[in-house]
């Protein structure tokens, strides 16, 4: 599939002529547009949007870095709309600068209002959302993560890249393209949105940005961080877990016995770990007092969620046994 990179400002580096020539050269062939732009001229963006929609073959638009404004208008014209997992998407009301008297200002307000209606119509057609919802999204003018953009219908699917885009590079590119300062501030906040506060007794709290990757929370759940955006990873239910209501009396008894045995093993392992550490301190004759909040010994992190799940299952089994007995 032939690919064209749309990088820079719409109306300057990204031109109507270049896109038209590319589509003409690939008439009847599927094409891909890789988009990396903070926007530009709305009129040029709409013209390119219409050219892409009139192409007589599949058109794929892939947002490969944070893109906004007219660039998303172009993207909306593609028959297949994708976004990289480490990119962002921004839809906002039209903007312009004007100098003059009150009548000049009124004329500009009227023009911007008409532009907004055009944009709302394009987004509504692409996403299937009601215009009222589009108006609220544009009014907020917030950067959307790849998943948020997909959930709202701005994109069809998210491409998993496993590559991190440095936030400061994105922000510097925005400044070079003379993007509105408010949008840059919002971009900066979005790219540094997820931070974890670490606080221990006797120390000061510090903000530490998480790098891309998977992180296990204290309760055993997992989050995936990509491009500064954190997504909670859903827990997959065991495929072989049979509902309690379908278990026979023999099965219930067997499960109860196995669960009790496994729970005892884990508890014994934790106790053994503690005893070993305690004896080591005792044999060395140490008078060291353990500081508040310090963990002397503990089992592996992943064992805690396992224990909780076993206890929960055991409670279900016991409840089922009681229910069956009450029926007899």
C-alpha atoms as a PDB file:
ATOM      1  CA  UNK A   1       0.000   0.000   0.000  1.00  0.00           C
ATOM      2  CA  UNK A   2       1.429   3.396  -1.029  1.00  0.00           C
ATOM      3  CA  UNK A   3       2.025   5.773   1.868  1.00  0.00           C
ATOM      4  CA  UNK A   4       2.246   9.570   2.162  1.00  0.00           C
ATOM      5  CA  UNK A   5       3.558  11.343   5.257  1.00  0.00           C
ATOM      6  CA  UNK A   6       1.552  14.445   6.212  1.00  0.00           C
ATOM      7  CA  UNK A   7       3.899  16.284   8.548  1.00  0.00           C
ATOM      8  CA  UNK A   8       3.995  19.950   9.489  1.00  0.00           C
ATOM      9  CA  UNK A   9       1.373  22.677   9.105  1.00  0.00           C
ATOM     10  CA  UNK A  10      -1.731  22.203   6.975  1.00  0.00           C
ATOM     11  CA  UNK A  11      -1.609  24.766   4.161  1.00  0.00           C
ATOM     12  CA  UNK A  12       2.184  25.067   4.304  1.00  0.00           C
ATOM     13  CA  UNK A  13       4.106  21.757   4.409  1.00  0.00           C
ATOM     14  CA  UNK A  14       0.850  19.830   3.890  1.00  0.00           C
ATOM     15  CA  UNK A  15      -0.731  21.135   0.675  1.00  0.00           C
ATOM     16  CA  UNK A  16      -3.807  20.427  -1.413  1.00  0.00           C
ATOM     17  CA  UNK A  17      -1.678  20.004  -4.563  1.00  0.00           C
ATOM     18  CA  UNK A  18       0.670  17.432  -3.003  1.00  0.00           C
ATOM     19  CA  UNK A  19      -2.215  15.294  -1.758  1.00  0.00           C
ATOM     20  CA  UNK A  20      -4.086  15.582  -5.067  1.00  0.00           C
ATOM     21  CA  UNK A  21      -0.984  14.554  -7.040  1.00  0.00           C
ATOM     22  CA  UNK A  22      -0.443  11.586  -4.702  1.00  0.00           C
ATOM     23  CA  UNK A  23      -4.048  10.402  -5.083  1.00  0.00           C
ATOM     24  CA  UNK A  24      -3.954  10.848  -8.874  1.00  0.00           C
ATOM     25  CA  UNK A  25      -0.759   8.805  -9.104  1.00  0.00           C
ATOM     26  CA  UNK A  26      -2.465   6.039  -7.095  1.00  0.00           C
ATOM     27  CA  UNK A  27      -5.881   6.120  -8.758  1.00  0.00           C
ATOM     28  CA  UNK A  28      -7.830   2.978  -7.952  1.00  0.00           C
ATOM     29  CA  UNK A  29      -5.173   1.828  -5.449  1.00  0.00           C
ATOM     30  CA  UNK A  30      -5.400   1.706  -1.642  1.00  0.00           C
ATOM     31  CA  UNK A  31      -3.314   4.404   0.048  1.00  0.00           C
ATOM     32  CA  UNK A  32      -2.157   5.287   3.558  1.00  0.00           C
ATOM     33  CA  UNK A  33      -1.663   8.719   5.112  1.00  0.00           C
ATOM     34  CA  UNK A  34       0.605   8.956   8.144  1.00  0.00           C
ATOM     35  CA  UNK A  35      -0.383  12.121   9.999  1.00  0.00           C
ATOM     36  CA  UNK A  36       1.874  14.118  12.336  1.00  0.00           C
ATOM     37  CA  UNK A  37       0.495  17.651  12.465  1.00  0.00           C
ATOM     38  CA  UNK A  38      -0.889  20.152  14.932  1.00  0.00           C
ATOM     39  CA  UNK A  39      -3.191  21.559  12.240  1.00  0.00           C
ATOM     40  CA  UNK A  40      -3.221  24.779  10.266  1.00  0.00           C
ATOM     41  CA  UNK A  41      -5.574  26.126   7.619  1.00  0.00           C
ATOM     42  CA  UNK A  42      -9.131  24.859   8.060  1.00  0.00           C
ATOM     43  CA  UNK A  43     -10.066  25.529   4.428  1.00  0.00           C
ATOM     44  CA  UNK A  44      -7.062  23.529   3.192  1.00  0.00           C
ATOM     45  CA  UNK A  45      -7.865  20.772   5.682  1.00  0.00           C
ATOM     46  CA  UNK A  46     -11.464  20.496   4.433  1.00  0.00           C
ATOM     47  CA  UNK A  47     -10.290  20.476   0.793  1.00  0.00           C
ATOM     48  CA  UNK A  48      -7.848  17.623   1.499  1.00  0.00           C
ATOM     49  CA  UNK A  49     -10.559  15.840   3.495  1.00  0.00           C
ATOM     50  CA  UNK A  50     -12.864  15.960   0.456  1.00  0.00           C
ATOM     51  CA  UNK A  51     -10.140  14.792  -1.933  1.00  0.00           C
ATOM     52  CA  UNK A  52      -9.446  11.753   0.247  1.00  0.00           C
ATOM     53  CA  UNK A  53     -13.153  10.899   0.556  1.00  0.00           C
ATOM     54  CA  UNK A  54     -13.530  10.977  -3.249  1.00  0.00           C
ATOM     55  CA  UNK A  55     -10.647   8.515  -3.801  1.00  0.00           C
ATOM     56  CA  UNK A  56     -11.991   5.341  -5.443  1.00  0.00           C
ATOM     57  CA  UNK A  57     -10.113   2.885  -3.186  1.00  0.00           C
ATOM     58  CA  UNK A  58      -9.434   2.288   0.494  1.00  0.00           C
ATOM     59  CA  UNK A  59      -7.798   5.198   2.320  1.00  0.00           C
ATOM     60  CA  UNK A  60      -6.104   4.582   5.684  1.00  0.00           C
ATOM     61  CA  UNK A  61      -5.281   7.472   7.965  1.00  0.00           C
ATOM     62  CA  UNK A  62      -2.845   6.798  10.807  1.00  0.00           C
ATOM     63  CA  UNK A  63      -2.144   9.445  13.462  1.00  0.00           C
ATOM     64  CA  UNK A  64       1.470   8.699  14.373  1.00  0.00           C
ATOM     65  CA  UNK A  65       2.046  11.556  16.847  1.00  0.00           C
ATOM     66  CA  UNK A  66      -0.116  14.095  18.705  1.00  0.00           C
ATOM     67  CA  UNK A  67      -2.304  15.719  16.036  1.00  0.00           C
ATOM     68  CA  UNK A  68      -4.953  18.403  16.213  1.00  0.00           C
ATOM     69  CA  UNK A  69      -7.306  20.756  14.462  1.00  0.00           C
ATOM     70  CA  UNK A  70      -7.195  20.645  10.635  1.00  0.00           C
ATOM     71  CA  UNK A  71      -5.039  17.503  10.765  1.00  0.00           C
ATOM     72  CA  UNK A  72      -7.905  15.600  12.405  1.00  0.00           C
ATOM     73  CA  UNK A  73     -10.268  16.951   9.732  1.00  0.00           C
ATOM     74  CA  UNK A  74      -8.013  15.339   7.125  1.00  0.00           C
ATOM     75  CA  UNK A  75      -7.897  12.140   9.174  1.00  0.00           C
ATOM     76  CA  UNK A  76     -11.721  12.061   9.338  1.00  0.00           C
ATOM     77  CA  UNK A  77     -11.886  11.819   5.543  1.00  0.00           C
ATOM     78  CA  UNK A  78     -10.167   8.415   5.484  1.00  0.00           C
ATOM     79  CA  UNK A  79     -12.242   5.244   5.137  1.00  0.00           C
ATOM     80  CA  UNK A  80     -10.127   3.534   7.825  1.00  0.00           C
ATOM     81  CA  UNK A  81      -9.031   5.753  10.726  1.00  0.00           C
ATOM     82  CA  UNK A  82      -6.251   4.537  13.047  1.00  0.00           C
ATOM     83  CA  UNK A  83      -4.033   6.001  15.757  1.00  0.00           C
ATOM     84  CA  UNK A  84      -0.793   4.873  17.394  1.00  0.00           C
ATOM     85  CA  UNK A  85      -1.135   4.004  21.073  1.00  0.00           C
ATOM     86  CA  UNK A  86       1.404   6.691  22.016  1.00  0.00           C
ATOM     87  CA  UNK A  87      -0.279   9.513  20.065  1.00  0.00           C
ATOM     88  CA  UNK A  88      -2.936  12.028  21.124  1.00  0.00           C
ATOM     89  CA  UNK A  89      -5.980  13.503  19.363  1.00  0.00           C
ATOM     90  CA  UNK A  90      -7.430  17.012  19.688  1.00  0.00           C
ATOM     91  CA  UNK A  91     -10.717  18.395  18.384  1.00  0.00           C
ATOM     92  CA  UNK A  92     -11.471  22.041  19.214  1.00  0.00           C
ATOM     93  CA  UNK A  93     -13.383  25.109  18.065  1.00  0.00           C
ATOM     94  CA  UNK A  94     -11.939  27.159  15.209  1.00  0.00           C
ATOM     95  CA  UNK A  95      -9.499  29.923  16.164  1.00  0.00           C
ATOM     96  CA  UNK A  96      -8.242  33.115  14.541  1.00  0.00           C
ATOM     97  CA  UNK A  97      -6.736  36.497  15.333  1.00  0.00           C
ATOM     98  CA  UNK A  98      -8.443  39.740  14.347  1.00  0.00           C
ATOM     99  CA  UNK A  99      -7.627  43.431  14.549  1.00  0.00           C
ATOM    100  CA  UNK A 100     -10.238  46.147  14.154  1.00  0.00           C
ATOM    101  CA  UNK A 101     -13.371  47.692  15.562  1.00  0.00           C
ATOM    102  CA  UNK A 102     -16.486  46.114  17.031  1.00  0.00           C
ATOM    103  CA  UNK A 103     -17.943  45.408  13.576  1.00  0.00           C
ATOM    104  CA  UNK A 104     -14.778  43.616  12.536  1.00  0.00           C
ATOM    105  CA  UNK A 105     -15.037  41.538  15.707  1.00  0.00           C
ATOM    106  CA  UNK A 106     -18.685  40.690  15.008  1.00  0.00           C
ATOM    107  CA  UNK A 107     -17.822  39.616  11.464  1.00  0.00           C
ATOM    108  CA  UNK A 108     -15.072  37.358  12.792  1.00  0.00           C
ATOM    109  CA  UNK A 109     -17.429  35.815  15.385  1.00  0.00           C
ATOM    110  CA  UNK A 110     -19.914  35.047  12.621  1.00  0.00           C
ATOM    111  CA  UNK A 111     -17.167  33.487  10.483  1.00  0.00           C
ATOM    112  CA  UNK A 112     -15.838  31.334  13.336  1.00  0.00           C
ATOM    113  CA  UNK A 113     -19.370  30.155  14.167  1.00  0.00           C
ATOM    114  CA  UNK A 114     -19.865  29.027  10.564  1.00  0.00           C
ATOM    115  CA  UNK A 115     -16.505  27.254  10.625  1.00  0.00           C
ATOM    116  CA  UNK A 116     -17.478  25.449  13.835  1.00  0.00           C
ATOM    117  CA  UNK A 117     -20.679  24.164  12.217  1.00  0.00           C
ATOM    118  CA  UNK A 118     -18.651  22.761   9.304  1.00  0.00           C
ATOM    119  CA  UNK A 119     -16.266  21.024  11.709  1.00  0.00           C
ATOM    120  CA  UNK A 120     -19.125  19.660  13.819  1.00  0.00           C
ATOM    121  CA  UNK A 121     -20.764  18.192  10.724  1.00  0.00           C
ATOM    122  CA  UNK A 122     -17.533  16.452   9.646  1.00  0.00           C
ATOM    123  CA  UNK A 123     -16.869  14.967  13.099  1.00  0.00           C
ATOM    124  CA  UNK A 124     -20.499  13.887  13.518  1.00  0.00           C
ATOM    125  CA  UNK A 125     -20.462  12.102  10.162  1.00  0.00           C
ATOM    126  CA  UNK A 126     -17.173  10.361  10.975  1.00  0.00           C
ATOM    127  CA  UNK A 127     -18.045   9.289  14.531  1.00  0.00           C
ATOM    128  CA  UNK A 128     -21.809   8.821  14.350  1.00  0.00           C
ATOM    129  CA  UNK A 129     -22.204  11.026  17.423  1.00  0.00           C
ATOM    130  CA  UNK A 130     -24.933  13.619  17.831  1.00  0.00           C
ATOM    131  CA  UNK A 131     -23.843  17.187  17.031  1.00  0.00           C
ATOM    132  CA  UNK A 132     -24.611  18.229  20.636  1.00  0.00           C
ATOM    133  CA  UNK A 133     -21.951  15.818  21.909  1.00  0.00           C
ATOM    134  CA  UNK A 134     -19.444  17.033  19.320  1.00  0.00           C
ATOM    135  CA  UNK A 135     -20.080  20.634  20.419  1.00  0.00           C
ATOM    136  CA  UNK A 136     -19.220  19.751  24.026  1.00  0.00           C
ATOM    137  CA  UNK A 137     -16.010  17.931  23.032  1.00  0.00           C
ATOM    138  CA  UNK A 138     -14.867  20.823  20.830  1.00  0.00           C
ATOM    139  CA  UNK A 139     -15.746  23.356  23.523  1.00  0.00           C
ATOM    140  CA  UNK A 140     -13.644  21.477  26.089  1.00  0.00           C
ATOM    141  CA  UNK A 141     -10.688  21.397  23.680  1.00  0.00           C
ATOM    142  CA  UNK A 142      -8.899  18.639  25.618  1.00  0.00           C
ATOM    143  CA  UNK A 143      -6.258  16.270  24.255  1.00  0.00           C
ATOM    144  CA  UNK A 144      -7.629  12.731  24.010  1.00  0.00           C
ATOM    145  CA  UNK A 145      -5.554   9.593  24.503  1.00  0.00           C
ATOM    146  CA  UNK A 146      -5.646   6.981  21.742  1.00  0.00           C
ATOM    147  CA  UNK A 147      -8.126   4.873  23.701  1.00  0.00           C
ATOM    148  CA  UNK A 148     -10.340   7.875  24.484  1.00  0.00           C
ATOM    149  CA  UNK A 149     -10.378   8.881  20.804  1.00  0.00           C
ATOM    150  CA  UNK A 150     -11.358   5.330  19.832  1.00  0.00           C
ATOM    151  CA  UNK A 151     -14.107   5.100  22.455  1.00  0.00           C
ATOM    152  CA  UNK A 152     -15.612   8.353  21.167  1.00  0.00           C
ATOM    153  CA  UNK A 153     -15.504   7.125  17.559  1.00  0.00           C
ATOM    154  CA  UNK A 154     -12.880   9.524  16.200  1.00  0.00           C
ATOM    155  CA  UNK A 155     -10.732   6.515  15.295  1.00  0.00           C
ATOM    156  CA  UNK A 156     -11.626   2.925  14.410  1.00  0.00           C
ATOM    157  CA  UNK A 157      -8.718   1.180  16.094  1.00  0.00           C
ATOM    158  CA  UNK A 158      -5.498   1.697  18.065  1.00  0.00           C
ATOM    159  CA  UNK A 159      -2.152   0.471  16.734  1.00  0.00           C
ATOM    160  CA  UNK A 160       0.115  -1.021  19.422  1.00  0.00           C
ATOM    161  CA  UNK A 161       3.617   0.306  18.759  1.00  0.00           C
ATOM    162  CA  UNK A 162       5.513  -0.525  21.997  1.00  0.00           C
ATOM    163  CA  UNK A 163       7.569   2.618  21.349  1.00  0.00           C
ATOM    164  CA  UNK A 164       7.568   5.650  23.636  1.00  0.00           C
ATOM    165  CA  UNK A 165       7.373   9.170  22.205  1.00  0.00           C
ATOM    166  CA  UNK A 166       9.333  11.644  24.323  1.00  0.00           C
ATOM    167  CA  UNK A 167       6.919  14.252  25.679  1.00  0.00           C
ATOM    168  CA  UNK A 168       9.376  17.123  25.445  1.00  0.00           C
ATOM    169  CA  UNK A 169       9.925  16.469  21.720  1.00  0.00           C
ATOM    170  CA  UNK A 170       6.193  16.679  21.039  1.00  0.00           C
ATOM    171  CA  UNK A 171       5.917  19.911  22.968  1.00  0.00           C
ATOM    172  CA  UNK A 172       8.936  21.468  21.246  1.00  0.00           C
ATOM    173  CA  UNK A 173       7.498  20.548  17.838  1.00  0.00           C
ATOM    174  CA  UNK A 174       4.243  22.253  18.825  1.00  0.00           C
ATOM    175  CA  UNK A 175       6.091  25.428  19.752  1.00  0.00           C
ATOM    176  CA  UNK A 176       8.029  25.440  16.473  1.00  0.00           C
ATOM    177  CA  UNK A 177       4.762  25.210  14.536  1.00  0.00           C
ATOM    178  CA  UNK A 178       3.460  28.314  16.363  1.00  0.00           C
ATOM    179  CA  UNK A 179       0.555  26.427  17.926  1.00  0.00           C
ATOM    180  CA  UNK A 180      -1.807  28.279  20.270  1.00  0.00           C
ATOM    181  CA  UNK A 181      -0.206  28.502  23.746  1.00  0.00           C
ATOM    182  CA  UNK A 182      -3.315  27.151  25.521  1.00  0.00           C
ATOM    183  CA  UNK A 183      -3.150  23.984  23.429  1.00  0.00           C
ATOM    184  CA  UNK A 184       0.554  23.544  24.268  1.00  0.00           C
ATOM    185  CA  UNK A 185      -0.229  23.855  27.992  1.00  0.00           C
ATOM    186  CA  UNK A 186      -2.933  21.196  27.676  1.00  0.00           C
ATOM    187  CA  UNK A 187      -0.568  18.968  25.716  1.00  0.00           C
ATOM    188  CA  UNK A 188       2.101  19.337  28.407  1.00  0.00           C
ATOM    189  CA  UNK A 189      -0.383  18.345  31.123  1.00  0.00           C
ATOM    190  CA  UNK A 190      -1.659  15.375  29.141  1.00  0.00           C
ATOM    191  CA  UNK A 191       1.814  14.013  28.386  1.00  0.00           C
ATOM    192  CA  UNK A 192       2.728  14.255  32.099  1.00  0.00           C
ATOM    193  CA  UNK A 193      -0.688  13.336  33.451  1.00  0.00           C
ATOM    194  CA  UNK A 194       0.117  10.113  35.269  1.00  0.00           C
ATOM    195  CA  UNK A 195       2.336  10.561  38.313  1.00  0.00           C
ATOM    196  CA  UNK A 196       2.638   8.520  41.475  1.00  0.00           C
ATOM    197  CA  UNK A 197       3.281  10.083  44.863  1.00  0.00           C
ATOM    198  CA  UNK A 198       5.701   8.193  47.088  1.00  0.00           C
ATOM    199  CA  UNK A 199       5.577   9.051  50.768  1.00  0.00           C
ATOM    200  CA  UNK A 200       7.393   7.269  53.566  1.00  0.00           C
ATOM    201  CA  UNK A 201       7.799   8.169  57.241  1.00  0.00           C
ATOM    202  CA  UNK A 202      10.649  10.599  57.723  1.00  0.00           C
ATOM    203  CA  UNK A 203      10.853  11.498  54.041  1.00  0.00           C
ATOM    204  CA  UNK A 204       9.272  14.143  51.865  1.00  0.00           C
ATOM    205  CA  UNK A 205       6.691  13.294  49.214  1.00  0.00           C
ATOM    206  CA  UNK A 206       7.992  13.366  45.648  1.00  0.00           C
ATOM    207  CA  UNK A 207       6.305  13.271  42.239  1.00  0.00           C
ATOM    208  CA  UNK A 208       7.793  10.577  40.029  1.00  0.00           C
ATOM    209  CA  UNK A 209       6.556  10.229  36.411  1.00  0.00           C
ATOM    210  CA  UNK A 210       6.104   6.597  35.406  1.00  0.00           C
ATOM    211  CA  UNK A 211       7.944   5.299  32.367  1.00  0.00           C
ATOM    212  CA  UNK A 212       6.135   3.306  29.700  1.00  0.00           C
ATOM    213  CA  UNK A 213       5.449  -0.306  30.654  1.00  0.00           C
ATOM    214  CA  UNK A 214       3.348  -2.442  32.990  1.00  0.00           C
ATOM    215  CA  UNK A 215       3.157  -1.776  36.741  1.00  0.00           C
ATOM    216  CA  UNK A 216       1.612  -3.901  39.513  1.00  0.00           C
ATOM    217  CA  UNK A 217      -0.439  -1.966  42.070  1.00  0.00           C
ATOM    218  CA  UNK A 218      -0.512  -2.861  45.764  1.00  0.00           C
ATOM    219  CA  UNK A 219      -3.885  -4.587  45.373  1.00  0.00           C
ATOM    220  CA  UNK A 220      -2.524  -6.859  42.634  1.00  0.00           C
ATOM    221  CA  UNK A 221      -4.083  -5.085  39.649  1.00  0.00           C
ATOM    222  CA  UNK A 222      -1.927  -4.124  36.663  1.00  0.00           C
ATOM    223  CA  UNK A 223      -1.770  -0.807  34.813  1.00  0.00           C
ATOM    224  CA  UNK A 224      -0.200  -0.207  31.409  1.00  0.00           C
ATOM    225  CA  UNK A 225       1.464   3.197  30.851  1.00  0.00           C
ATOM    226  CA  UNK A 226       1.999   4.395  27.278  1.00  0.00           C
ATOM    227  CA  UNK A 227       3.048   7.924  26.368  1.00  0.00           C
ATOM    228  CA  UNK A 228       2.185   9.148  29.856  1.00  0.00           C
ATOM    229  CA  UNK A 229      -1.332   7.679  29.693  1.00  0.00           C
ATOM    230  CA  UNK A 230      -2.233   4.938  32.171  1.00  0.00           C
ATOM    231  CA  UNK A 231      -4.837   2.266  31.424  1.00  0.00           C
ATOM    232  CA  UNK A 232      -6.042  -0.286  33.971  1.00  0.00           C
ATOM    233  CA  UNK A 233      -5.529  -3.812  32.660  1.00  0.00           C
ATOM    234  CA  UNK A 234      -8.712  -5.876  33.231  1.00  0.00           C
ATOM    235  CA  UNK A 235      -8.349  -9.094  35.168  1.00  0.00           C
ATOM    236  CA  UNK A 236      -9.092 -12.151  33.084  1.00  0.00           C
ATOM    237  CA  UNK A 237     -11.402 -14.604  34.757  1.00  0.00           C
ATOM    238  CA  UNK A 238     -10.108 -18.211  34.834  1.00  0.00           C
ATOM    239  CA  UNK A 239     -11.579 -20.070  31.860  1.00  0.00           C
ATOM    240  CA  UNK A 240     -12.060 -23.271  33.826  1.00  0.00           C
ATOM    241  CA  UNK A 241     -13.926 -21.737  36.763  1.00  0.00           C
ATOM    242  CA  UNK A 242     -17.250 -23.526  37.188  1.00  0.00           C
ATOM    243  CA  UNK A 243     -20.135 -21.552  38.800  1.00  0.00           C
ATOM    244  CA  UNK A 244     -20.767 -22.702  42.361  1.00  0.00           C
ATOM    245  CA  UNK A 245     -24.427 -23.450  41.558  1.00  0.00           C
ATOM    246  CA  UNK A 246     -23.336 -26.127  39.051  1.00  0.00           C
ATOM    247  CA  UNK A 247     -21.014 -27.986  41.441  1.00  0.00           C
ATOM    248  CA  UNK A 248     -21.999 -31.337  42.886  1.00  0.00           C
ATOM    249  CA  UNK A 249     -21.651 -32.094  46.609  1.00  0.00           C
ATOM    250  CA  UNK A 250     -18.524 -34.176  45.962  1.00  0.00           C
ATOM    251  CA  UNK A 251     -16.979 -31.407  43.863  1.00  0.00           C
ATOM    252  CA  UNK A 252     -17.726 -28.836  46.554  1.00  0.00           C
ATOM    253  CA  UNK A 253     -16.054 -30.973  49.202  1.00  0.00           C
ATOM    254  CA  UNK A 254     -12.989 -31.583  47.033  1.00  0.00           C
ATOM    255  CA  UNK A 255     -12.609 -27.887  46.207  1.00  0.00           C
ATOM    256  CA  UNK A 256     -12.980 -26.935  49.865  1.00  0.00           C
ATOM    257  CA  UNK A 257     -10.225 -29.391  50.798  1.00  0.00           C
ATOM    258  CA  UNK A 258      -7.866 -28.213  48.034  1.00  0.00           C
ATOM    259  CA  UNK A 259      -8.442 -24.528  48.794  1.00  0.00           C
ATOM    260  CA  UNK A 260      -7.786 -25.083  52.496  1.00  0.00           C
ATOM    261  CA  UNK A 261      -4.564 -26.994  51.699  1.00  0.00           C
ATOM    262  CA  UNK A 262      -3.242 -24.343  49.293  1.00  0.00           C
ATOM    263  CA  UNK A 263      -4.093 -21.536  51.699  1.00  0.00           C
ATOM    264  CA  UNK A 264      -2.242 -23.350  54.481  1.00  0.00           C
ATOM    265  CA  UNK A 265       0.826 -23.756  52.229  1.00  0.00           C
ATOM    266  CA  UNK A 266       0.982 -20.038  51.481  1.00  0.00           C
ATOM    267  CA  UNK A 267       0.489 -19.101  55.129  1.00  0.00           C
ATOM    268  CA  UNK A 268       3.220 -21.568  56.128  1.00  0.00           C
ATOM    269  CA  UNK A 269       5.595 -20.085  53.558  1.00  0.00           C
ATOM    270  CA  UNK A 270       4.990 -16.568  54.857  1.00  0.00           C
ATOM    271  CA  UNK A 271       5.473 -17.741  58.459  1.00  0.00           C
ATOM    272  CA  UNK A 272       8.677 -19.601  57.555  1.00  0.00           C
ATOM    273  CA  UNK A 273      10.075 -16.506  55.867  1.00  0.00           C
ATOM    274  CA  UNK A 274       9.308 -14.429  58.947  1.00  0.00           C
ATOM    275  CA  UNK A 275      10.742 -17.021  61.358  1.00  0.00           C
ATOM    276  CA  UNK A 276      13.972 -17.279  59.369  1.00  0.00           C
ATOM    277  CA  UNK A 277      14.481 -13.525  59.425  1.00  0.00           C
ATOM    278  CA  UNK A 278      13.575 -13.296  63.099  1.00  0.00           C
ATOM    279  CA  UNK A 279      16.010 -16.088  64.070  1.00  0.00           C
ATOM    280  CA  UNK A 280      18.770 -14.449  62.050  1.00  0.00           C
ATOM    281  CA  UNK A 281      18.350 -11.222  63.978  1.00  0.00           C
ATOM    282  CA  UNK A 282      18.095 -13.104  67.278  1.00  0.00           C
ATOM    283  CA  UNK A 283      21.263 -15.176  66.642  1.00  0.00           C
ATOM    284  CA  UNK A 284      23.288 -12.119  65.721  1.00  0.00           C
ATOM    285  CA  UNK A 285      22.319 -10.515  69.001  1.00  0.00           C
ATOM    286  CA  UNK A 286      21.242  -7.365  67.273  1.00  0.00           C
ATOM    287  CA  UNK A 287      19.686  -4.602  69.371  1.00  0.00           C
ATOM    288  CA  UNK A 288      18.567  -2.783  66.257  1.00  0.00           C
ATOM    289  CA  UNK A 289      15.005  -1.555  66.486  1.00  0.00           C
ATOM    290  CA  UNK A 290      12.971  -1.807  63.336  1.00  0.00           C
ATOM    291  CA  UNK A 291      11.827   1.591  62.071  1.00  0.00           C
ATOM    292  CA  UNK A 292       8.147   2.308  61.720  1.00  0.00           C
ATOM    293  CA  UNK A 293       6.733   1.203  58.421  1.00  0.00           C
ATOM    294  CA  UNK A 294       9.659  -1.132  57.638  1.00  0.00           C
ATOM    295  CA  UNK A 295       8.760  -4.627  56.453  1.00  0.00           C
ATOM    296  CA  UNK A 296      10.947  -7.225  58.163  1.00  0.00           C
ATOM    297  CA  UNK A 297       9.933 -10.092  55.938  1.00  0.00           C
ATOM    298  CA  UNK A 298       7.129 -10.782  53.541  1.00  0.00           C
ATOM    299  CA  UNK A 299       6.107 -13.181  50.836  1.00  0.00           C
ATOM    300  CA  UNK A 300       6.291 -12.318  47.156  1.00  0.00           C
ATOM    301  CA  UNK A 301       3.956  -9.546  46.001  1.00  0.00           C
ATOM    302  CA  UNK A 302       1.986 -11.812  43.713  1.00  0.00           C
ATOM    303  CA  UNK A 303       1.084 -14.180  46.569  1.00  0.00           C
ATOM    304  CA  UNK A 304      -1.221 -11.679  48.276  1.00  0.00           C
ATOM    305  CA  UNK A 305      -3.761 -11.425  45.434  1.00  0.00           C
ATOM    306  CA  UNK A 306      -3.671 -15.243  45.100  1.00  0.00           C
ATOM    307  CA  UNK A 307      -4.505 -15.636  48.755  1.00  0.00           C
ATOM    308  CA  UNK A 308      -7.386 -13.183  48.466  1.00  0.00           C
ATOM    309  CA  UNK A 309      -8.794 -15.015  45.476  1.00  0.00           C
ATOM    310  CA  UNK A 310      -8.516 -18.371  47.256  1.00  0.00           C
ATOM    311  CA  UNK A 311     -10.228 -16.994  50.361  1.00  0.00           C
ATOM    312  CA  UNK A 312     -13.024 -15.531  48.233  1.00  0.00           C
ATOM    313  CA  UNK A 313     -13.515 -18.837  46.423  1.00  0.00           C
ATOM    314  CA  UNK A 314     -13.454 -20.738  49.716  1.00  0.00           C
ATOM    315  CA  UNK A 315     -16.164 -18.439  51.095  1.00  0.00           C
ATOM    316  CA  UNK A 316     -18.295 -19.112  48.013  1.00  0.00           C
ATOM    317  CA  UNK A 317     -17.825 -22.860  48.417  1.00  0.00           C
ATOM    318  CA  UNK A 318     -18.741 -22.746  52.097  1.00  0.00           C
ATOM    319  CA  UNK A 319     -21.840 -20.667  51.324  1.00  0.00           C
ATOM    320  CA  UNK A 320     -22.844 -23.211  48.681  1.00  0.00           C
ATOM    321  CA  UNK A 321     -22.429 -26.087  51.139  1.00  0.00           C
ATOM    322  CA  UNK A 322     -24.630 -24.317  53.683  1.00  0.00           C
ATOM    323  CA  UNK A 323     -27.248 -23.548  51.027  1.00  0.00           C
ATOM    324  CA  UNK A 324     -27.352 -27.196  49.897  1.00  0.00           C
ATOM    325  CA  UNK A 325     -27.672 -28.445  53.468  1.00  0.00           C
ATOM    326  CA  UNK A 326     -30.548 -26.040  54.173  1.00  0.00           C
ATOM    327  CA  UNK A 327     -32.435 -27.424  51.169  1.00  0.00           C
ATOM    328  CA  UNK A 328     -32.194 -30.991  52.482  1.00  0.00           C
END
